């Protein structure tokens, strides 16, 4: 990686957390309950949005009769259980974070997730203490379809975009971070194999495992 990097901004789901398969399972159950098959590109479309905007999108796009609040509550109940009890971090994540800490690299999280979900997972996997700042949907109301969330996190780290690497797993988010002037590392996810080619084309670097950076 670039020796001028002084800070790193991490996405959570699909990047540090091995959770994309969990969200897919939740979505499958959600649509099955309504006698529907999950749309092929559903995850790709909602991944940058955050839960509230994703619920609005699902209701509008698929003509659901449910109220938005009920959709959110249903997703809440399933997701909280999984994050609290089952979701793990990806291999070598903790070792990489420790390596960064030992080298004085500032670390932040920029996620479209909500702290009621990710916080139990961060703490259960013993990586919460590594981060100087966490930006989520409660802190920043925009989506990852533009670079605002990364610029906000960079400001909190007191660094310029050209001093920061952003780690992401979703093409739209990779593109947004690049547009913000950041060095971008695309992280592979076995639940998103069909996105590999696009991620490699968009990012400055592509990794299959954090072990490659150690």
Protein backbone atom coordinates (compact mmCIF):
# COMPACT_ATOMS: atom_id res chain seq x y z
CA UNK A 1 0.00 0.00 0.00
CA UNK A 2 0.98 3.61 -0.50
CA UNK A 3 3.50 4.67 2.15
CA UNK A 4 1.81 8.09 2.43
CA UNK A 5 -1.37 6.54 3.84
CA UNK A 6 -1.96 7.88 7.36
CA UNK A 7 -5.50 6.67 7.92
CA UNK A 8 -7.94 4.00 6.82
CA UNK A 9 -11.74 4.12 6.59
CA UNK A 10 -13.40 0.71 6.68
CA UNK A 11 -16.81 -0.41 5.57
CA UNK A 12 -18.29 -3.13 7.81
CA UNK A 13 -20.65 -5.56 6.04
CA UNK A 14 -18.77 -7.62 3.47
CA UNK A 15 -15.51 -5.83 4.30
CA UNK A 16 -14.65 -6.39 7.97
CA UNK A 17 -17.76 -8.45 8.80
CA UNK A 18 -18.49 -11.75 7.10
CA UNK A 19 -22.16 -10.80 7.04
CA UNK A 20 -23.31 -10.45 3.44
CA UNK A 21 -24.53 -14.04 3.40
CA UNK A 22 -26.56 -13.30 6.52
CA UNK A 23 -28.25 -10.30 4.90
CA UNK A 24 -28.98 -12.38 1.80
CA UNK A 25 -30.65 -15.04 3.97
CA UNK A 26 -32.73 -12.36 5.69
CA UNK A 27 -33.81 -10.96 2.32
CA UNK A 28 -34.71 -14.43 1.02
CA UNK A 29 -36.88 -15.06 4.09
CA UNK A 30 -38.43 -11.60 3.77
CA UNK A 31 -39.56 -12.15 0.17
CA UNK A 32 -40.52 -15.79 0.73
CA UNK A 33 -42.91 -14.69 3.47
CA UNK A 34 -44.62 -12.61 0.77
CA UNK A 35 -44.64 -15.48 -1.75
CA UNK A 36 -41.96 -13.77 -3.85
CA UNK A 37 -38.51 -14.73 -5.06
CA UNK A 38 -35.73 -12.35 -4.11
CA UNK A 39 -34.84 -10.14 -7.12
CA UNK A 40 -31.41 -10.95 -8.57
CA UNK A 41 -29.97 -7.47 -8.04
CA UNK A 42 -31.75 -6.60 -4.78
CA UNK A 43 -28.66 -6.65 -2.55
CA UNK A 44 -26.61 -4.56 -4.97
CA UNK A 45 -29.32 -1.91 -5.13
CA UNK A 46 -29.92 -1.57 -1.38
CA UNK A 47 -26.36 -2.08 -0.05
CA UNK A 48 -25.37 1.63 -0.13
CA UNK A 49 -28.70 2.92 1.20
CA UNK A 50 -28.98 2.09 4.87
CA UNK A 51 -31.97 0.28 6.40
CA UNK A 52 -34.57 3.06 6.27
CA UNK A 53 -33.94 3.99 2.64
CA UNK A 54 -33.71 0.29 1.73
CA UNK A 55 -37.18 -0.28 3.21
CA UNK A 56 -38.55 2.69 1.25
CA UNK A 57 -36.97 1.30 -1.90
CA UNK A 58 -38.35 -2.22 -1.34
CA UNK A 59 -41.89 -0.95 -0.74
CA UNK A 60 -41.83 1.31 -3.79
CA UNK A 61 -39.97 -0.97 -6.22
CA UNK A 62 -41.87 -4.18 -5.46
CA UNK A 63 -45.30 -2.70 -4.63
CA UNK A 64 -45.34 -4.13 -1.10
CA UNK A 65 -48.45 -3.58 0.99
CA UNK A 66 -46.42 -3.41 4.22
CA UNK A 67 -45.84 -0.12 5.98
CA UNK A 68 -42.22 1.05 5.86
CA UNK A 69 -42.02 0.94 9.67
CA UNK A 70 -43.13 -2.70 9.68
CA UNK A 71 -40.56 -3.68 7.07
CA UNK A 72 -37.82 -2.04 9.12
CA UNK A 73 -38.99 -3.72 12.32
CA UNK A 74 -39.03 -7.15 10.65
CA UNK A 75 -35.47 -6.67 9.38
CA UNK A 76 -34.44 -5.32 12.78
CA UNK A 77 -35.53 -8.39 14.70
CA UNK A 78 -33.78 -10.84 12.39
CA UNK A 79 -30.58 -8.80 12.04
CA UNK A 80 -30.10 -7.97 15.73
CA UNK A 81 -30.16 -11.64 16.62
CA UNK A 82 -27.60 -12.53 13.95
CA UNK A 83 -25.17 -9.69 14.73
CA UNK A 84 -25.38 -10.33 18.46
CA UNK A 85 -24.88 -14.08 18.26
CA UNK A 86 -23.48 -15.31 14.96
CA UNK A 87 -21.74 -12.80 12.67
CA UNK A 88 -17.94 -13.10 12.63
CA UNK A 89 -15.18 -10.87 11.32
CA UNK A 90 -13.29 -12.00 8.24
CA UNK A 91 -10.03 -13.93 8.62
CA UNK A 92 -6.96 -11.84 9.54
CA UNK A 93 -9.02 -8.69 10.19
CA UNK A 94 -7.91 -8.39 13.82
CA UNK A 95 -4.28 -9.08 12.91
CA UNK A 96 -4.42 -6.35 10.25
CA UNK A 97 -6.00 -3.84 12.64
CA UNK A 98 -3.32 -4.59 15.23
CA UNK A 99 -0.65 -4.08 12.57
CA UNK A 100 -2.13 -0.68 11.69
CA UNK A 101 -2.33 0.31 15.34
CA UNK A 102 1.31 -0.59 15.91
CA UNK A 103 2.25 1.61 12.95
CA UNK A 104 0.27 4.63 14.14
CA UNK A 105 -2.40 4.51 11.42
CA UNK A 106 -5.68 6.22 12.31
CA UNK A 107 -8.78 4.08 11.74
CA UNK A 108 -12.44 4.89 11.19
CA UNK A 109 -15.59 3.08 10.13
CA UNK A 110 -18.06 4.40 7.54
CA UNK A 111 -21.13 2.21 7.38
CA UNK A 112 -24.72 2.38 6.18
CA UNK A 113 -25.52 0.15 9.15
CA UNK A 114 -27.01 1.10 12.52
CA UNK A 115 -25.15 0.85 15.84
CA UNK A 116 -27.84 -1.41 17.35
CA UNK A 117 -26.68 -4.04 14.84
CA UNK A 118 -22.94 -3.62 14.40
CA UNK A 119 -21.90 -2.58 17.93
CA UNK A 120 -22.54 -6.00 19.59
CA UNK A 121 -20.61 -7.61 16.75
CA UNK A 122 -17.63 -5.23 17.05
CA UNK A 123 -17.44 -5.86 20.78
CA UNK A 124 -18.02 -9.62 20.64
CA UNK A 125 -15.21 -9.95 18.08
CA UNK A 126 -12.92 -7.71 20.21
CA UNK A 127 -12.13 -5.06 17.57
CA UNK A 128 -14.16 -2.07 18.80
CA UNK A 129 -11.19 -0.47 20.56
CA UNK A 130 -9.16 -0.11 17.35
CA UNK A 131 -11.29 2.66 15.85
CA UNK A 132 -10.84 6.39 16.39
CA UNK A 133 -14.22 7.26 14.89
CA UNK A 134 -17.37 5.51 13.65
CA UNK A 135 -19.74 7.12 11.14
CA UNK A 136 -23.08 5.37 10.65
CA UNK A 137 -26.61 6.19 9.51
CA UNK A 138 -27.33 7.92 12.81
CA UNK A 139 -24.34 10.25 12.38
CA UNK A 140 -24.55 10.83 8.62
CA UNK A 141 -27.90 10.79 6.83
CA UNK A 142 -26.65 10.41 3.25
CA UNK A 143 -25.98 7.16 1.38
CA UNK A 144 -22.77 5.79 -0.10
CA UNK A 145 -23.84 6.78 -3.59
CA UNK A 146 -21.75 9.92 -3.12
CA UNK A 147 -18.44 10.52 -1.26
CA UNK A 148 -19.95 12.62 1.54
CA UNK A 149 -19.72 9.95 4.25
CA UNK A 150 -16.02 9.35 3.52
CA UNK A 151 -15.23 13.06 3.45
CA UNK A 152 -17.02 13.44 6.78
CA UNK A 153 -14.99 10.60 8.32
CA UNK A 154 -11.76 12.05 6.89
CA UNK A 155 -12.52 15.37 8.55
CA UNK A 156 -13.04 13.58 11.87
CA UNK A 157 -9.63 11.90 11.46
CA UNK A 158 -8.13 15.30 10.64
CA UNK A 159 -6.67 13.94 7.40
CA UNK A 160 -7.01 14.76 3.70
CA UNK A 161 -8.54 12.23 1.29
CA UNK A 162 -5.19 11.63 -0.41
CA UNK A 163 -3.81 10.46 2.96
CA UNK A 164 -6.55 7.86 3.47
CA UNK A 165 -7.32 4.42 2.09
CA UNK A 166 -10.96 3.35 1.96
CA UNK A 167 -11.77 -0.37 2.18
CA UNK A 168 -15.07 -1.30 0.51
CA UNK A 169 -16.81 -4.29 -1.06
CA UNK A 170 -19.61 -2.69 -3.10
CA UNK A 171 -18.94 -1.16 -6.56
CA UNK A 172 -21.12 1.94 -5.99
CA UNK A 173 -19.29 2.70 -2.75
CA UNK A 174 -15.89 2.08 -4.35
CA UNK A 175 -16.78 4.51 -7.11
CA UNK A 176 -17.97 7.13 -4.61
CA UNK A 177 -14.78 6.91 -2.55
CA UNK A 178 -12.67 7.23 -5.70
CA UNK A 179 -14.67 10.32 -6.69
CA UNK A 180 -13.85 11.77 -3.27
CA UNK A 181 -10.11 11.52 -3.96
CA UNK A 182 -9.38 8.50 -1.76
CA UNK A 183 -7.12 5.52 -2.41
CA UNK A 184 -9.57 2.59 -2.56
CA UNK A 185 -9.02 -1.06 -1.70
CA UNK A 186 -11.72 -3.43 -2.93
CA UNK A 187 -12.31 -6.40 -0.62
CA UNK A 188 -13.48 -9.69 -2.08
CA UNK A 189 -16.51 -11.43 -0.63
CA UNK A 190 -17.51 -15.00 -1.46
CA UNK A 191 -21.16 -13.95 -1.42
CA UNK A 192 -20.48 -11.41 -4.19
CA UNK A 193 -18.33 -13.36 -6.66
CA UNK A 194 -20.22 -11.82 -9.59
CA UNK A 195 -18.90 -8.37 -8.57
CA UNK A 196 -15.19 -9.23 -8.67
CA UNK A 197 -14.46 -7.98 -12.19
CA UNK A 198 -16.23 -4.66 -11.63
CA UNK A 199 -14.52 -4.11 -8.26
CA UNK A 200 -11.07 -4.80 -9.74
CA UNK A 201 -11.71 -2.29 -12.52
CA UNK A 202 -12.90 0.46 -10.16
CA UNK A 203 -10.46 0.18 -7.24
CA UNK A 204 -6.77 0.97 -6.85
CA UNK A 205 -6.18 -2.42 -5.23
CA UNK A 206 -8.13 -5.67 -4.88
CA UNK A 207 -7.59 -8.15 -2.05
CA UNK A 208 -9.04 -11.61 -1.54
CA UNK A 209 -7.91 -11.73 2.08
CA UNK A 210 -6.47 -9.35 4.67
CA UNK A 211 -3.57 -11.77 4.98
CA UNK A 212 -2.23 -10.27 1.73
CA UNK A 213 -1.55 -7.00 3.58
CA UNK A 214 0.37 -8.56 6.47
